[in-house]
Amino acid sequence: MMRKRFGVALFWVFAAICLSGTSAAWAQNMRKLVLVAASDSDITRLPPADTRRLFLGVAVAASFAAGESLHPLRNTSDPVLEESFLQKVIFMSRDAYERALLTRVMHGGGTRPALYDSEALLVNTLLADKFAVTYMWADKAVANSNLKIVAEPW
Protein backbone atom coordinates (compact mmCIF):
# COMPACT_ATOMS: atom_id res chain seq x y z
CA MET A 1 0.00 0.00 0.00
CA MET A 2 2.83 2.38 0.89
CA ARG A 3 4.60 1.59 -2.36
CA LYS A 4 1.46 2.41 -4.38
CA ARG A 5 1.03 5.80 -2.65
CA PHE A 6 4.67 6.59 -3.23
CA GLY A 7 4.27 5.76 -6.94
CA VAL A 8 1.18 7.94 -7.24
CA ALA A 9 2.88 10.83 -5.41
CA LEU A 10 5.95 10.49 -7.62
CA PHE A 11 3.75 10.55 -10.72
CA TRP A 12 2.03 13.79 -9.63
CA VAL A 13 5.33 15.49 -8.78
CA PHE A 14 6.72 14.53 -12.18
CA ALA A 15 3.53 15.71 -13.92
CA ALA A 16 3.64 19.06 -12.09
CA ILE A 17 7.26 19.60 -13.09
CA CYS A 18 6.54 18.79 -16.74
CA LEU A 19 3.42 20.94 -16.89
CA SER A 20 5.08 23.95 -15.28
CA GLY A 21 7.81 23.84 -17.91
CA THR A 22 5.27 23.47 -20.68
CA SER A 23 3.11 26.36 -19.47
CA ALA A 24 6.14 28.64 -19.11
CA ALA A 25 7.21 27.81 -22.67
CA TRP A 26 3.65 28.35 -23.90
CA ALA A 27 3.40 31.74 -22.17
CA GLN A 28 6.65 32.90 -23.77
CA ASN A 29 5.40 32.01 -27.24
CA MET A 30 1.93 33.50 -26.73
CA ARG A 31 1.28 36.44 -29.00
CA LYS A 32 0.42 39.72 -27.35
CA LEU A 33 -2.28 42.06 -28.65
CA VAL A 34 -1.52 45.81 -28.68
CA LEU A 35 -3.14 48.99 -29.96
CA VAL A 36 -0.97 51.13 -32.20
CA ALA A 37 -0.85 54.54 -33.83
CA ALA A 38 1.62 56.24 -36.15
CA SER A 39 4.86 57.10 -34.39
CA ASP A 40 4.42 60.80 -35.26
CA SER A 41 0.88 60.83 -33.84
CA ASP A 42 0.22 62.78 -30.65
CA ILE A 43 -1.76 59.88 -29.17
CA THR A 44 0.13 58.78 -26.06
CA ARG A 45 -2.06 56.30 -24.14
CA LEU A 46 -5.51 55.00 -24.84
CA PRO A 47 -7.46 53.81 -21.78
CA PRO A 48 -9.32 50.48 -22.15
CA ALA A 49 -12.75 52.10 -21.74
CA ASP A 50 -11.99 54.61 -24.52
CA THR A 51 -10.71 51.81 -26.75
CA ARG A 52 -13.91 49.85 -26.33
CA ARG A 53 -16.09 52.91 -26.94
CA LEU A 54 -14.02 53.92 -29.97
CA PHE A 55 -14.35 50.53 -31.70
CA LEU A 56 -18.08 50.40 -30.86
CA GLY A 57 -18.59 53.54 -32.94
CA VAL A 58 -18.77 56.11 -30.14
CA ALA A 59 -16.83 59.30 -30.86
CA VAL A 60 -13.76 59.57 -28.61
CA ALA A 61 -12.21 63.03 -28.55
CA ALA A 62 -8.49 63.33 -29.16
CA SER A 63 -7.04 64.84 -26.00
CA PHE A 64 -4.32 66.63 -27.97
CA ALA A 65 -6.53 68.37 -30.56
CA ALA A 66 -9.72 70.26 -29.75
CA GLY A 67 -12.67 69.29 -31.91
CA GLU A 68 -11.01 66.18 -33.38
CA SER A 69 -11.91 62.60 -32.62
CA LEU A 70 -9.95 59.39 -33.00
CA HIS A 71 -10.52 57.05 -35.97
CA PRO A 72 -10.65 53.30 -35.36
CA LEU A 73 -9.30 50.99 -38.07
CA ARG A 74 -10.29 47.31 -37.91
CA ASN A 75 -7.51 44.87 -38.69
CA THR A 76 -9.19 41.89 -40.36
CA SER A 77 -5.98 40.53 -41.92
CA ASP A 78 -5.67 37.80 -39.28
CA PRO A 79 -8.86 36.03 -38.06
CA VAL A 80 -7.20 34.95 -34.79
CA LEU A 81 -6.10 38.53 -34.08
CA GLU A 82 -9.56 39.90 -34.78
CA GLU A 83 -11.23 37.26 -32.61
CA SER A 84 -8.76 37.97 -29.78
CA PHE A 85 -9.46 41.69 -30.05
CA LEU A 86 -13.22 41.20 -29.98
CA GLN A 87 -13.06 38.87 -26.97
CA LYS A 88 -10.36 40.59 -24.89
CA VAL A 89 -11.08 44.27 -25.61
CA ILE A 90 -14.66 44.57 -26.86
CA PHE A 91 -15.95 41.62 -24.77
CA MET A 92 -18.26 40.44 -27.56
CA SER A 93 -18.50 37.71 -30.14
CA ARG A 94 -18.17 38.72 -33.79
CA ASP A 95 -21.94 38.49 -34.36
CA ALA A 96 -22.78 40.51 -31.25
CA TYR A 97 -20.21 43.14 -32.23
CA GLU A 98 -21.61 43.46 -35.76
CA ARG A 99 -25.15 43.82 -34.34
CA ALA A 100 -23.99 46.48 -31.86
CA LEU A 101 -22.29 48.45 -34.65
CA LEU A 102 -25.33 48.18 -36.89
CA THR A 103 -27.64 49.31 -34.07
CA ARG A 104 -25.43 52.31 -33.28
CA VAL A 105 -25.29 53.34 -36.94
CA MET A 106 -29.04 52.93 -37.45
CA HIS A 107 -30.13 54.68 -34.25
CA GLY A 108 -27.30 57.01 -33.35
CA GLY A 109 -25.92 57.96 -36.72
CA GLY A 110 -22.40 56.79 -35.89
CA THR A 111 -20.04 55.26 -38.41
CA ARG A 112 -18.60 51.77 -38.61
CA PRO A 113 -14.81 51.45 -38.27
CA ALA A 114 -13.08 50.94 -41.61
CA LEU A 115 -12.07 47.33 -42.36
CA TYR A 116 -8.59 46.42 -43.65
CA ASP A 117 -7.81 42.88 -44.75
CA SER A 118 -4.32 43.87 -45.90
CA GLU A 119 -1.87 44.73 -43.14
CA ALA A 120 0.30 46.77 -45.52
CA LEU A 121 -2.68 48.93 -46.54
CA LEU A 122 -3.70 49.23 -42.89
CA VAL A 123 -0.26 50.49 -41.88
CA ASN A 124 -0.18 52.97 -44.79
CA THR A 125 -3.59 54.34 -43.76
CA LEU A 126 -2.47 54.51 -40.14
CA LEU A 127 0.66 56.47 -41.08
CA ALA A 128 -1.38 58.92 -43.16
CA ASP A 129 -3.84 59.72 -40.35
CA LYS A 130 -2.48 60.98 -37.00
CA PHE A 131 -5.88 60.37 -35.38
CA ALA A 132 -6.12 56.70 -36.43
CA VAL A 133 -5.75 53.73 -34.06
CA THR A 134 -5.69 50.00 -34.79
CA TYR A 135 -4.71 46.72 -33.19
CA MET A 136 -2.09 44.15 -34.14
CA TRP A 137 0.27 41.60 -32.67
CA ALA A 138 3.02 43.18 -30.56
CA ASP A 139 5.85 41.54 -32.49
CA LYS A 140 4.64 43.14 -35.73
CA ALA A 141 4.18 46.53 -34.07
CA VAL A 142 7.67 46.47 -32.58
CA ALA A 143 9.16 45.40 -35.93
CA ASN A 144 7.69 48.50 -37.63
CA SER A 145 9.58 51.63 -36.53
CA ASN A 146 6.82 53.88 -37.94
CA LEU A 147 4.34 52.65 -35.31
CA LYS A 148 4.06 53.14 -31.57
CA ILE A 149 2.13 51.15 -29.00
CA VAL A 150 -0.57 53.22 -27.30
CA ALA A 151 -2.23 50.46 -25.25
CA GLU A 152 -1.65 46.89 -24.11
CA PRO A 153 -5.06 45.36 -23.34
CA TRP A 154 -3.72 42.43 -21.30
C-alpha atoms as a PDB file:
ATOM      1  CA  MET A   1       0.000   0.000   0.000  1.00  0.00           C
ATOM      2  CA  MET A   2       2.828   2.384   0.886  1.00  0.00           C
ATOM      3  CA  ARG A   3       4.603   1.592  -2.358  1.00  0.00           C
ATOM      4  CA  LYS A   4       1.462   2.409  -4.381  1.00  0.00           C
ATOM      5  CA  ARG A   5       1.033   5.798  -2.646  1.00  0.00           C
ATOM      6  CA  PHE A   6       4.672   6.586  -3.229  1.00  0.00           C
ATOM      7  CA  GLY A   7       4.270   5.764  -6.936  1.00  0.00           C
ATOM      8  CA  VAL A   8       1.178   7.945  -7.243  1.00  0.00           C
ATOM      9  CA  ALA A   9       2.880  10.834  -5.409  1.00  0.00           C
ATOM     10  CA  LEU A  10       5.950  10.493  -7.624  1.00  0.00           C
ATOM     11  CA  PHE A  11       3.749  10.554 -10.717  1.00  0.00           C
ATOM     12  CA  TRP A  12       2.030  13.792  -9.629  1.00  0.00           C
ATOM     13  CA  VAL A  13       5.333  15.485  -8.776  1.00  0.00           C
ATOM     14  CA  PHE A  14       6.720  14.531 -12.180  1.00  0.00           C
ATOM     15  CA  ALA A  15       3.533  15.713 -13.923  1.00  0.00           C
ATOM     16  CA  ALA A  16       3.637  19.058 -12.095  1.00  0.00           C
ATOM     17  CA  ILE A  17       7.261  19.603 -13.092  1.00  0.00           C
ATOM     18  CA  CYS A  18       6.540  18.792 -16.738  1.00  0.00           C
ATOM     19  CA  LEU A  19       3.416  20.940 -16.885  1.00  0.00           C
ATOM     20  CA  SER A  20       5.078  23.950 -15.277  1.00  0.00           C
ATOM     21  CA  GLY A  21       7.813  23.841 -17.912  1.00  0.00           C
ATOM     22  CA  THR A  22       5.265  23.471 -20.683  1.00  0.00           C
ATOM     23  CA  SER A  23       3.109  26.361 -19.466  1.00  0.00           C
ATOM     24  CA  ALA A  24       6.142  28.636 -19.115  1.00  0.00           C
ATOM     25  CA  ALA A  25       7.209  27.814 -22.668  1.00  0.00           C
ATOM     26  CA  TRP A  26       3.652  28.353 -23.903  1.00  0.00           C
ATOM     27  CA  ALA A  27       3.403  31.740 -22.174  1.00  0.00           C
ATOM     28  CA  GLN A  28       6.653  32.897 -23.766  1.00  0.00           C
ATOM     29  CA  ASN A  29       5.399  32.010 -27.239  1.00  0.00           C
ATOM     30  CA  MET A  30       1.933  33.500 -26.727  1.00  0.00           C
ATOM     31  CA  ARG A  31       1.282  36.445 -28.996  1.00  0.00           C
ATOM     32  CA  LYS A  32       0.416  39.720 -27.350  1.00  0.00           C
ATOM     33  CA  LEU A  33      -2.280  42.057 -28.654  1.00  0.00           C
ATOM     34  CA  VAL A  34      -1.519  45.807 -28.676  1.00  0.00           C
ATOM     35  CA  LEU A  35      -3.136  48.985 -29.958  1.00  0.00           C
ATOM     36  CA  VAL A  36      -0.971  51.131 -32.197  1.00  0.00           C
ATOM     37  CA  ALA A  37      -0.853  54.542 -33.832  1.00  0.00           C
ATOM     38  CA  ALA A  38       1.618  56.241 -36.151  1.00  0.00           C
ATOM     39  CA  SER A  39       4.864  57.103 -34.392  1.00  0.00           C
ATOM     40  CA  ASP A  40       4.417  60.804 -35.259  1.00  0.00           C
ATOM     41  CA  SER A  41       0.876  60.826 -33.840  1.00  0.00           C
ATOM     42  CA  ASP A  42       0.223  62.783 -30.653  1.00  0.00           C
ATOM     43  CA  ILE A  43      -1.756  59.877 -29.174  1.00  0.00           C
ATOM     44  CA  THR A  44       0.134  58.779 -26.065  1.00  0.00           C
ATOM     45  CA  ARG A  45      -2.056  56.304 -24.139  1.00  0.00           C
ATOM     46  CA  LEU A  46      -5.507  55.004 -24.837  1.00  0.00           C
ATOM     47  CA  PRO A  47      -7.458  53.807 -21.780  1.00  0.00           C
ATOM     48  CA  PRO A  48      -9.316  50.481 -22.151  1.00  0.00           C
ATOM     49  CA  ALA A  49     -12.751  52.104 -21.744  1.00  0.00           C
ATOM     50  CA  ASP A  50     -11.990  54.608 -24.523  1.00  0.00           C
ATOM     51  CA  THR A  51     -10.710  51.809 -26.754  1.00  0.00           C
ATOM     52  CA  ARG A  52     -13.911  49.850 -26.335  1.00  0.00           C
ATOM     53  CA  ARG A  53     -16.094  52.910 -26.943  1.00  0.00           C
ATOM     54  CA  LEU A  54     -14.022  53.916 -29.973  1.00  0.00           C
ATOM     55  CA  PHE A  55     -14.350  50.535 -31.697  1.00  0.00           C
ATOM     56  CA  LEU A  56     -18.082  50.400 -30.855  1.00  0.00           C
ATOM     57  CA  GLY A  57     -18.594  53.538 -32.937  1.00  0.00           C
ATOM     58  CA  VAL A  58     -18.766  56.113 -30.141  1.00  0.00           C
ATOM     59  CA  ALA A  59     -16.825  59.300 -30.863  1.00  0.00           C
ATOM     60  CA  VAL A  60     -13.761  59.572 -28.615  1.00  0.00           C
ATOM     61  CA  ALA A  61     -12.207  63.032 -28.555  1.00  0.00           C
ATOM     62  CA  ALA A  62      -8.487  63.332 -29.163  1.00  0.00           C
ATOM     63  CA  SER A  63      -7.036  64.844 -25.997  1.00  0.00           C
ATOM     64  CA  PHE A  64      -4.323  66.630 -27.965  1.00  0.00           C
ATOM     65  CA  ALA A  65      -6.528  68.371 -30.559  1.00  0.00           C
ATOM     66  CA  ALA A  66      -9.719  70.255 -29.754  1.00  0.00           C
ATOM     67  CA  GLY A  67     -12.667  69.289 -31.910  1.00  0.00           C
ATOM     68  CA  GLU A  68     -11.008  66.181 -33.379  1.00  0.00           C
ATOM     69  CA  SER A  69     -11.906  62.602 -32.620  1.00  0.00           C
ATOM     70  CA  LEU A  70      -9.952  59.387 -33.003  1.00  0.00           C
ATOM     71  CA  HIS A  71     -10.523  57.048 -35.965  1.00  0.00           C
ATOM     72  CA  PRO A  72     -10.653  53.298 -35.356  1.00  0.00           C
ATOM     73  CA  LEU A  73      -9.303  50.990 -38.075  1.00  0.00           C
ATOM     74  CA  ARG A  74     -10.286  47.309 -37.905  1.00  0.00           C
ATOM     75  CA  ASN A  75      -7.510  44.870 -38.695  1.00  0.00           C
ATOM     76  CA  THR A  76      -9.185  41.886 -40.360  1.00  0.00           C
ATOM     77  CA  SER A  77      -5.981  40.534 -41.920  1.00  0.00           C
ATOM     78  CA  ASP A  78      -5.674  37.804 -39.281  1.00  0.00           C
ATOM     79  CA  PRO A  79      -8.858  36.030 -38.061  1.00  0.00           C
ATOM     80  CA  VAL A  80      -7.196  34.951 -34.793  1.00  0.00           C
ATOM     81  CA  LEU A  81      -6.096  38.525 -34.080  1.00  0.00           C
ATOM     82  CA  GLU A  82      -9.560  39.903 -34.776  1.00  0.00           C
ATOM     83  CA  GLU A  83     -11.226  37.264 -32.605  1.00  0.00           C
ATOM     84  CA  SER A  84      -8.759  37.974 -29.780  1.00  0.00           C
ATOM     85  CA  PHE A  85      -9.458  41.686 -30.047  1.00  0.00           C
ATOM     86  CA  LEU A  86     -13.216  41.199 -29.979  1.00  0.00           C
ATOM     87  CA  GLN A  87     -13.060  38.873 -26.970  1.00  0.00           C
ATOM     88  CA  LYS A  88     -10.358  40.588 -24.887  1.00  0.00           C
ATOM     89  CA  VAL A  89     -11.083  44.266 -25.612  1.00  0.00           C
ATOM     90  CA  ILE A  90     -14.658  44.574 -26.861  1.00  0.00           C
ATOM     91  CA  PHE A  91     -15.954  41.622 -24.765  1.00  0.00           C
ATOM     92  CA  MET A  92     -18.261  40.444 -27.563  1.00  0.00           C
ATOM     93  CA  SER A  93     -18.503  37.713 -30.140  1.00  0.00           C
ATOM     94  CA  ARG A  94     -18.172  38.723 -33.794  1.00  0.00           C
ATOM     95  CA  ASP A  95     -21.941  38.485 -34.362  1.00  0.00           C
ATOM     96  CA  ALA A  96     -22.784  40.514 -31.247  1.00  0.00           C
ATOM     97  CA  TYR A  97     -20.207  43.138 -32.229  1.00  0.00           C
ATOM     98  CA  GLU A  98     -21.612  43.459 -35.757  1.00  0.00           C
ATOM     99  CA  ARG A  99     -25.149  43.816 -34.337  1.00  0.00           C
ATOM    100  CA  ALA A 100     -23.986  46.480 -31.862  1.00  0.00           C
ATOM    101  CA  LEU A 101     -22.291  48.451 -34.652  1.00  0.00           C
ATOM    102  CA  LEU A 102     -25.334  48.184 -36.886  1.00  0.00           C
ATOM    103  CA  THR A 103     -27.638  49.309 -34.071  1.00  0.00           C
ATOM    104  CA  ARG A 104     -25.432  52.306 -33.284  1.00  0.00           C
ATOM    105  CA  VAL A 105     -25.292  53.344 -36.939  1.00  0.00           C
ATOM    106  CA  MET A 106     -29.044  52.925 -37.449  1.00  0.00           C
ATOM    107  CA  HIS A 107     -30.130  54.682 -34.251  1.00  0.00           C
ATOM    108  CA  GLY A 108     -27.303  57.005 -33.345  1.00  0.00           C
ATOM    109  CA  GLY A 109     -25.918  57.959 -36.721  1.00  0.00           C
ATOM    110  CA  GLY A 110     -22.402  56.790 -35.888  1.00  0.00           C
ATOM    111  CA  THR A 111     -20.038  55.260 -38.407  1.00  0.00           C
ATOM    112  CA  ARG A 112     -18.598  51.767 -38.610  1.00  0.00           C
ATOM    113  CA  PRO A 113     -14.810  51.452 -38.265  1.00  0.00           C
ATOM    114  CA  ALA A 114     -13.085  50.945 -41.613  1.00  0.00           C
ATOM    115  CA  LEU A 115     -12.070  47.329 -42.363  1.00  0.00           C
ATOM    116  CA  TYR A 116      -8.595  46.418 -43.654  1.00  0.00           C
ATOM    117  CA  ASP A 117      -7.810  42.880 -44.750  1.00  0.00           C
ATOM    118  CA  SER A 118      -4.317  43.867 -45.900  1.00  0.00           C
ATOM    119  CA  GLU A 119      -1.875  44.725 -43.139  1.00  0.00           C
ATOM    120  CA  ALA A 120       0.297  46.769 -45.520  1.00  0.00           C
ATOM    121  CA  LEU A 121      -2.677  48.926 -46.543  1.00  0.00           C
ATOM    122  CA  LEU A 122      -3.702  49.230 -42.889  1.00  0.00           C
ATOM    123  CA  VAL A 123      -0.257  50.489 -41.879  1.00  0.00           C
ATOM    124  CA  ASN A 124      -0.184  52.971 -44.787  1.00  0.00           C
ATOM    125  CA  THR A 125      -3.591  54.335 -43.760  1.00  0.00           C
ATOM    126  CA  LEU A 126      -2.473  54.512 -40.141  1.00  0.00           C
ATOM    127  CA  LEU A 127       0.656  56.467 -41.082  1.00  0.00           C
ATOM    128  CA  ALA A 128      -1.379  58.921 -43.158  1.00  0.00           C
ATOM    129  CA  ASP A 129      -3.842  59.719 -40.347  1.00  0.00           C
ATOM    130  CA  LYS A 130      -2.475  60.976 -37.001  1.00  0.00           C
ATOM    131  CA  PHE A 131      -5.880  60.371 -35.382  1.00  0.00           C
ATOM    132  CA  ALA A 132      -6.121  56.700 -36.433  1.00  0.00           C
ATOM    133  CA  VAL A 133      -5.747  53.731 -34.063  1.00  0.00           C
ATOM    134  CA  THR A 134      -5.693  50.004 -34.794  1.00  0.00           C
ATOM    135  CA  TYR A 135      -4.713  46.719 -33.187  1.00  0.00           C
ATOM    136  CA  MET A 136      -2.088  44.152 -34.138  1.00  0.00           C
ATOM    137  CA  TRP A 137       0.270  41.595 -32.665  1.00  0.00           C
ATOM    138  CA  ALA A 138       3.019  43.181 -30.559  1.00  0.00           C
ATOM    139  CA  ASP A 139       5.852  41.537 -32.492  1.00  0.00           C
ATOM    140  CA  LYS A 140       4.640  43.138 -35.730  1.00  0.00           C
ATOM    141  CA  ALA A 141       4.181  46.529 -34.072  1.00  0.00           C
ATOM    142  CA  VAL A 142       7.670  46.471 -32.581  1.00  0.00           C
ATOM    143  CA  ALA A 143       9.160  45.401 -35.926  1.00  0.00           C
ATOM    144  CA  ASN A 144       7.685  48.497 -37.631  1.00  0.00           C
ATOM    145  CA  SER A 145       9.582  51.627 -36.531  1.00  0.00           C
ATOM    146  CA  ASN A 146       6.820  53.879 -37.941  1.00  0.00           C
ATOM    147  CA  LEU A 147       4.344  52.653 -35.311  1.00  0.00           C
ATOM    148  CA  LYS A 148       4.064  53.138 -31.566  1.00  0.00           C
ATOM    149  CA  ILE A 149       2.132  51.154 -29.000  1.00  0.00           C
ATOM    150  CA  VAL A 150      -0.574  53.219 -27.303  1.00  0.00           C
ATOM    151  CA  ALA A 151      -2.225  50.465 -25.249  1.00  0.00           C
ATOM    152  CA  GLU A 152      -1.653  46.887 -24.114  1.00  0.00           C
ATOM    153  CA  PRO A 153      -5.058  45.364 -23.341  1.00  0.00           C
ATOM    154  CA  TRP A 154      -3.723  42.435 -21.302  1.00  0.00           C
END
